[in-house]
Amino acid sequence: MSENFIRPTSDATRKIVQDSTHQDEFIGDAYERMKSELRASMGMLSPQAAAEAASGAAAIAPVVPLPVQRAAEPTHMRVIYPSGNSRFEIYGTSDADLDVQEERIRGIYQQ
């Protein structure tokens, strides 16, 4: 089962590799450029483009984020002691908001 696993090459692919590796240092950009040129010469998509095509993500329009509405700044503050030395500072935008929070906290301690 001795097979030759050398991939067939063409003059075009040899030229791409020679042009990319003629430098003294074969680093980062040259390597990435060589990979993309070899993929293009063989008609292959980049891994990212292939993944998008497989998932259908390329057909989906990008999502535009909605403007963020900031919550109203807390203008009210209350300190409560629901049990023993347990101290809570609660903040809200109204007394009604503080009442709801206080009721929840006291409900936990009454159980």
N, C-alpha and C. Protein backbone atom coordinates (compact mmCIF):
# COMPACT_ATOMS: atom_id res chain seq x y z
N MET A 1 0.83 -1.17 0.00
CA MET A 1 0.00 0.00 0.00
C MET A 1 0.88 1.24 0.00
N SER A 2 1.81 1.23 -0.83
CA SER A 2 2.71 2.37 -0.94
C SER A 2 2.17 3.31 -2.02
N GLU A 3 1.62 4.41 -1.57
CA GLU A 3 1.06 5.38 -2.50
C GLU A 3 1.85 6.68 -2.43
N ASN A 4 1.87 7.37 -3.51
CA ASN A 4 2.54 8.65 -3.56
C ASN A 4 1.51 9.72 -3.22
N PHE A 5 1.71 10.42 -2.10
CA PHE A 5 0.74 11.40 -1.64
C PHE A 5 1.09 12.83 -2.07
N ILE A 6 1.98 12.97 -3.04
CA ILE A 6 2.33 14.29 -3.52
C ILE A 6 1.18 14.81 -4.38
N ARG A 7 0.74 16.00 -4.07
CA ARG A 7 -0.36 16.58 -4.83
C ARG A 7 0.14 17.09 -6.17
N PRO A 8 -0.70 16.97 -7.18
CA PRO A 8 -0.28 17.49 -8.47
C PRO A 8 -0.16 19.02 -8.42
N THR A 9 0.83 19.55 -9.07
CA THR A 9 1.01 20.99 -9.09
C THR A 9 1.02 21.47 -10.53
N SER A 10 0.88 22.76 -10.66
CA SER A 10 0.94 23.36 -11.99
C SER A 10 1.98 24.47 -11.95
N ASP A 11 2.30 24.99 -13.10
CA ASP A 11 3.26 26.09 -13.16
C ASP A 11 2.74 27.30 -12.40
N ALA A 12 1.43 27.52 -12.44
CA ALA A 12 0.85 28.67 -11.74
C ALA A 12 1.01 28.54 -10.23
N THR A 13 0.76 27.34 -9.68
CA THR A 13 0.89 27.17 -8.23
C THR A 13 2.36 27.22 -7.81
N ARG A 14 3.25 26.67 -8.62
CA ARG A 14 4.68 26.76 -8.31
C ARG A 14 5.13 28.21 -8.26
N LYS A 15 4.65 29.02 -9.21
CA LYS A 15 5.04 30.42 -9.26
C LYS A 15 4.54 31.17 -8.02
N ILE A 16 3.30 30.87 -7.59
CA ILE A 16 2.75 31.51 -6.39
C ILE A 16 3.61 31.19 -5.18
N VAL A 17 4.00 29.93 -5.02
CA VAL A 17 4.82 29.52 -3.88
C VAL A 17 6.21 30.14 -3.97
N GLN A 18 6.81 30.13 -5.14
CA GLN A 18 8.15 30.71 -5.29
C GLN A 18 8.14 32.21 -5.02
N ASP A 19 7.11 32.92 -5.51
CA ASP A 19 7.04 34.36 -5.28
C ASP A 19 6.85 34.68 -3.81
N SER A 20 6.15 33.81 -3.09
CA SER A 20 5.89 34.06 -1.67
C SER A 20 7.06 33.68 -0.79
N THR A 21 7.87 32.70 -1.23
CA THR A 21 8.94 32.21 -0.36
C THR A 21 10.32 32.69 -0.77
N HIS A 22 10.41 33.62 -1.69
CA HIS A 22 11.73 34.09 -2.10
C HIS A 22 12.37 35.01 -1.06
N GLN A 23 11.56 35.45 -0.12
CA GLN A 23 12.08 36.35 0.91
C GLN A 23 12.95 35.56 1.89
N ASP A 24 13.85 36.28 2.57
CA ASP A 24 14.70 35.62 3.57
C ASP A 24 13.87 35.11 4.74
N GLU A 25 12.87 35.88 5.14
CA GLU A 25 11.99 35.48 6.24
C GLU A 25 10.60 35.24 5.69
N PHE A 26 10.13 34.03 5.88
CA PHE A 26 8.79 33.65 5.42
C PHE A 26 7.86 33.78 6.61
N ILE A 27 7.25 34.96 6.79
CA ILE A 27 6.43 35.22 7.96
C ILE A 27 5.06 35.73 7.59
N GLY A 28 4.19 35.69 8.55
CA GLY A 28 2.83 36.20 8.56
C GLY A 28 2.18 36.59 7.26
N ASP A 29 2.41 37.81 6.81
CA ASP A 29 1.69 38.33 5.65
C ASP A 29 1.99 37.54 4.39
N ALA A 30 3.26 37.17 4.19
CA ALA A 30 3.61 36.41 2.99
C ALA A 30 2.90 35.06 2.98
N TYR A 31 2.85 34.42 4.12
CA TYR A 31 2.20 33.12 4.21
C TYR A 31 0.70 33.23 3.96
N GLU A 32 0.06 34.21 4.58
CA GLU A 32 -1.38 34.40 4.39
C GLU A 32 -1.70 34.77 2.94
N ARG A 33 -0.86 35.62 2.35
CA ARG A 33 -1.06 36.00 0.95
C ARG A 33 -0.92 34.78 0.05
N MET A 34 0.09 33.92 0.32
CA MET A 34 0.28 32.72 -0.47
C MET A 34 -0.94 31.80 -0.34
N LYS A 35 -1.45 31.62 0.88
CA LYS A 35 -2.62 30.76 1.07
C LYS A 35 -3.82 31.28 0.28
N SER A 36 -4.08 32.58 0.36
CA SER A 36 -5.25 33.11 -0.35
C SER A 36 -5.07 33.02 -1.86
N GLU A 37 -3.84 33.25 -2.37
CA GLU A 37 -3.60 33.14 -3.82
C GLU A 37 -3.74 31.69 -4.29
N LEU A 38 -3.25 30.73 -3.49
CA LEU A 38 -3.39 29.32 -3.86
C LEU A 38 -4.86 28.90 -3.85
N ARG A 39 -5.62 29.36 -2.85
CA ARG A 39 -7.06 29.04 -2.83
C ARG A 39 -7.75 29.61 -4.06
N ALA A 40 -7.42 30.85 -4.39
CA ALA A 40 -8.05 31.48 -5.55
C ALA A 40 -7.69 30.76 -6.84
N SER A 41 -6.43 30.32 -6.97
CA SER A 41 -6.01 29.63 -8.20
C SER A 41 -6.70 28.28 -8.34
N MET A 42 -7.06 27.66 -7.21
CA MET A 42 -7.75 26.36 -7.26
C MET A 42 -9.26 26.51 -7.20
N GLY A 43 -9.73 27.74 -7.12
CA GLY A 43 -11.18 27.96 -7.08
C GLY A 43 -11.81 27.59 -5.76
N MET A 44 -11.02 27.67 -4.69
CA MET A 44 -11.54 27.32 -3.36
C MET A 44 -11.90 28.59 -2.61
N LEU A 45 -12.92 28.48 -1.76
CA LEU A 45 -13.30 29.60 -0.90
C LEU A 45 -12.41 29.61 0.34
N SER A 46 -12.31 30.77 0.95
CA SER A 46 -11.60 30.84 2.23
C SER A 46 -12.44 30.09 3.26
N PRO A 47 -11.85 29.62 4.35
CA PRO A 47 -12.63 28.89 5.36
C PRO A 47 -13.82 29.70 5.88
N GLN A 48 -13.64 30.99 6.06
CA GLN A 48 -14.75 31.82 6.56
C GLN A 48 -15.86 31.90 5.52
N ALA A 49 -15.50 32.12 4.24
CA ALA A 49 -16.51 32.20 3.19
C ALA A 49 -17.21 30.86 3.01
N ALA A 50 -16.46 29.76 3.13
CA ALA A 50 -17.07 28.43 2.99
C ALA A 50 -18.05 28.17 4.13
N ALA A 51 -17.70 28.57 5.35
CA ALA A 51 -18.60 28.37 6.49
C ALA A 51 -19.86 29.21 6.34
N GLU A 52 -19.71 30.44 5.86
CA GLU A 52 -20.88 31.30 5.65
C GLU A 52 -21.78 30.73 4.57
N ALA A 53 -21.18 30.20 3.50
CA ALA A 53 -21.97 29.62 2.42
C ALA A 53 -22.71 28.37 2.90
N ALA A 54 -22.04 27.56 3.73
CA ALA A 54 -22.66 26.34 4.23
C ALA A 54 -23.81 26.64 5.17
N SER A 55 -23.68 27.69 5.97
CA SER A 55 -24.73 28.00 6.93
C SER A 55 -25.80 28.92 6.37
N GLY A 56 -25.56 29.45 5.20
CA GLY A 56 -26.52 30.37 4.61
C GLY A 56 -26.44 31.75 5.21
N ALA A 57 -25.38 32.03 5.97
CA ALA A 57 -25.26 33.32 6.63
C ALA A 57 -25.03 34.45 5.65
N ALA A 58 -24.48 34.14 4.48
CA ALA A 58 -24.20 35.19 3.50
C ALA A 58 -25.50 35.77 2.95
N ALA A 59 -26.57 34.96 2.94
CA ALA A 59 -27.84 35.44 2.40
C ALA A 59 -28.61 36.30 3.39
N ILE A 60 -28.27 36.19 4.66
CA ILE A 60 -28.98 36.94 5.69
C ILE A 60 -28.40 38.34 5.78
N ALA A 61 -29.26 39.32 5.80
CA ALA A 61 -28.81 40.70 5.90
C ALA A 61 -28.24 40.95 7.30
N PRO A 62 -27.22 41.78 7.40
CA PRO A 62 -26.66 42.05 8.72
C PRO A 62 -27.68 42.74 9.62
N VAL A 63 -27.61 42.44 10.89
CA VAL A 63 -28.54 43.01 11.86
C VAL A 63 -28.05 44.40 12.25
N VAL A 64 -28.94 45.36 12.15
CA VAL A 64 -28.61 46.72 12.54
C VAL A 64 -29.02 46.91 13.99
N PRO A 65 -28.08 47.25 14.86
CA PRO A 65 -28.45 47.41 16.26
C PRO A 65 -29.36 48.61 16.47
N LEU A 66 -30.33 48.44 17.35
CA LEU A 66 -31.24 49.52 17.68
C LEU A 66 -30.56 50.49 18.64
N PRO A 67 -30.95 51.73 18.60
CA PRO A 67 -30.35 52.67 19.54
C PRO A 67 -30.66 52.27 20.98
N VAL A 68 -29.70 52.39 21.83
CA VAL A 68 -29.85 52.00 23.23
C VAL A 68 -30.53 53.12 23.98
N GLN A 69 -31.59 52.75 24.69
CA GLN A 69 -32.26 53.73 25.53
C GLN A 69 -31.77 53.53 26.96
N ARG A 70 -31.18 54.54 27.49
CA ARG A 70 -30.66 54.44 28.85
C ARG A 70 -31.81 54.43 29.84
N ALA A 71 -31.65 53.61 30.83
CA ALA A 71 -32.65 53.58 31.89
C ALA A 71 -32.58 54.89 32.67
N ALA A 72 -33.69 55.26 33.20
CA ALA A 72 -33.71 56.50 33.99
C ALA A 72 -32.78 56.35 35.18
N GLU A 73 -32.05 57.38 35.46
CA GLU A 73 -31.13 57.36 36.59
C GLU A 73 -31.93 57.28 37.89
N PRO A 74 -31.48 56.44 38.82
CA PRO A 74 -32.18 56.37 40.10
C PRO A 74 -32.13 57.72 40.83
N THR A 75 -33.28 58.15 41.25
CA THR A 75 -33.37 59.44 41.95
C THR A 75 -33.80 59.27 43.39
N HIS A 76 -34.19 58.04 43.75
CA HIS A 76 -34.66 57.77 45.11
C HIS A 76 -33.80 56.68 45.73
N MET A 77 -33.60 56.79 47.04
CA MET A 77 -32.80 55.80 47.76
C MET A 77 -33.46 55.54 49.11
N ARG A 78 -33.38 54.26 49.55
CA ARG A 78 -33.96 53.90 50.84
C ARG A 78 -33.07 52.83 51.47
N VAL A 79 -32.92 52.90 52.77
CA VAL A 79 -32.19 51.89 53.53
C VAL A 79 -33.20 51.11 54.34
N ILE A 80 -33.14 49.77 54.22
CA ILE A 80 -34.07 48.93 55.00
C ILE A 80 -33.27 47.89 55.77
N TYR A 81 -33.82 47.47 56.90
CA TYR A 81 -33.26 46.43 57.75
C TYR A 81 -34.34 45.34 57.89
N PRO A 82 -34.40 44.39 56.97
CA PRO A 82 -35.49 43.41 57.02
C PRO A 82 -35.38 42.40 58.15
N SER A 83 -34.14 42.15 58.62
CA SER A 83 -33.98 41.15 59.67
C SER A 83 -32.63 41.34 60.33
N GLY A 84 -32.64 41.55 61.62
CA GLY A 84 -31.39 41.67 62.36
C GLY A 84 -30.48 42.76 61.82
N ASN A 85 -29.24 42.39 61.54
CA ASN A 85 -28.26 43.34 61.02
C ASN A 85 -28.19 43.36 59.50
N SER A 86 -29.13 42.72 58.84
CA SER A 86 -29.15 42.73 57.37
C SER A 86 -29.57 44.11 56.89
N ARG A 87 -28.68 44.76 56.19
CA ARG A 87 -28.93 46.13 55.74
C ARG A 87 -28.92 46.16 54.22
N PHE A 88 -29.93 46.78 53.64
CA PHE A 88 -30.02 46.91 52.19
C PHE A 88 -30.21 48.38 51.82
N GLU A 89 -29.44 48.82 50.83
CA GLU A 89 -29.67 50.13 50.23
C GLU A 89 -30.31 49.85 48.87
N ILE A 90 -31.50 50.37 48.69
CA ILE A 90 -32.19 50.15 47.42
C ILE A 90 -32.35 51.48 46.71
N TYR A 91 -32.25 51.43 45.40
CA TYR A 91 -32.31 52.62 44.57
C TYR A 91 -33.38 52.43 43.51
N GLY A 92 -34.05 53.51 43.16
CA GLY A 92 -35.09 53.44 42.15
C GLY A 92 -35.42 54.82 41.61
N THR A 93 -36.38 54.82 40.71
CA THR A 93 -36.77 56.08 40.06
C THR A 93 -37.98 56.72 40.71
N SER A 94 -38.63 55.99 41.64
CA SER A 94 -39.79 56.55 42.33
C SER A 94 -39.99 55.81 43.65
N ASP A 95 -40.86 56.37 44.49
CA ASP A 95 -41.18 55.69 45.75
C ASP A 95 -41.88 54.37 45.49
N ALA A 96 -42.70 54.32 44.45
CA ALA A 96 -43.39 53.08 44.11
C ALA A 96 -42.39 51.99 43.73
N ASP A 97 -41.35 52.36 43.01
CA ASP A 97 -40.30 51.41 42.64
C ASP A 97 -39.60 50.88 43.89
N LEU A 98 -39.31 51.77 44.82
CA LEU A 98 -38.67 51.36 46.07
C LEU A 98 -39.59 50.45 46.89
N ASP A 99 -40.88 50.75 46.89
CA ASP A 99 -41.84 49.91 47.62
C ASP A 99 -41.83 48.47 47.09
N VAL A 100 -41.80 48.32 45.77
CA VAL A 100 -41.78 46.98 45.16
C VAL A 100 -40.52 46.23 45.56
N GLN A 101 -39.37 46.91 45.48
CA GLN A 101 -38.12 46.26 45.86
C GLN A 101 -38.11 45.87 47.33
N GLU A 102 -38.59 46.76 48.18
CA GLU A 102 -38.61 46.48 49.61
C GLU A 102 -39.51 45.29 49.91
N GLU A 103 -40.65 45.23 49.25
CA GLU A 103 -41.58 44.12 49.47
C GLU A 103 -40.94 42.79 49.09
N ARG A 104 -40.20 42.76 47.99
CA ARG A 104 -39.52 41.53 47.57
C ARG A 104 -38.48 41.10 48.61
N ILE A 105 -37.69 42.04 49.05
CA ILE A 105 -36.63 41.71 50.02
C ILE A 105 -37.23 41.23 51.34
N ARG A 106 -38.24 41.93 51.84
CA ARG A 106 -38.87 41.50 53.09
C ARG A 106 -39.55 40.14 52.92
N GLY A 107 -40.08 39.85 51.75
CA GLY A 107 -40.69 38.56 51.47
C GLY A 107 -39.69 37.41 51.59
N ILE A 108 -38.46 37.67 51.20
CA ILE A 108 -37.41 36.63 51.30
C ILE A 108 -37.13 36.34 52.77
N TYR A 109 -37.08 37.36 53.60
CA TYR A 109 -36.73 37.17 55.00
C TYR A 109 -37.89 36.64 55.83
N GLN A 110 -39.13 36.72 55.35
CA GLN A 110 -40.27 36.24 56.12
C GLN A 110 -40.51 34.75 55.90
N GLN A 111 -39.82 34.13 54.98
CA GLN A 111 -40.02 32.71 54.69
C GLN A 111 -39.50 31.81 55.75
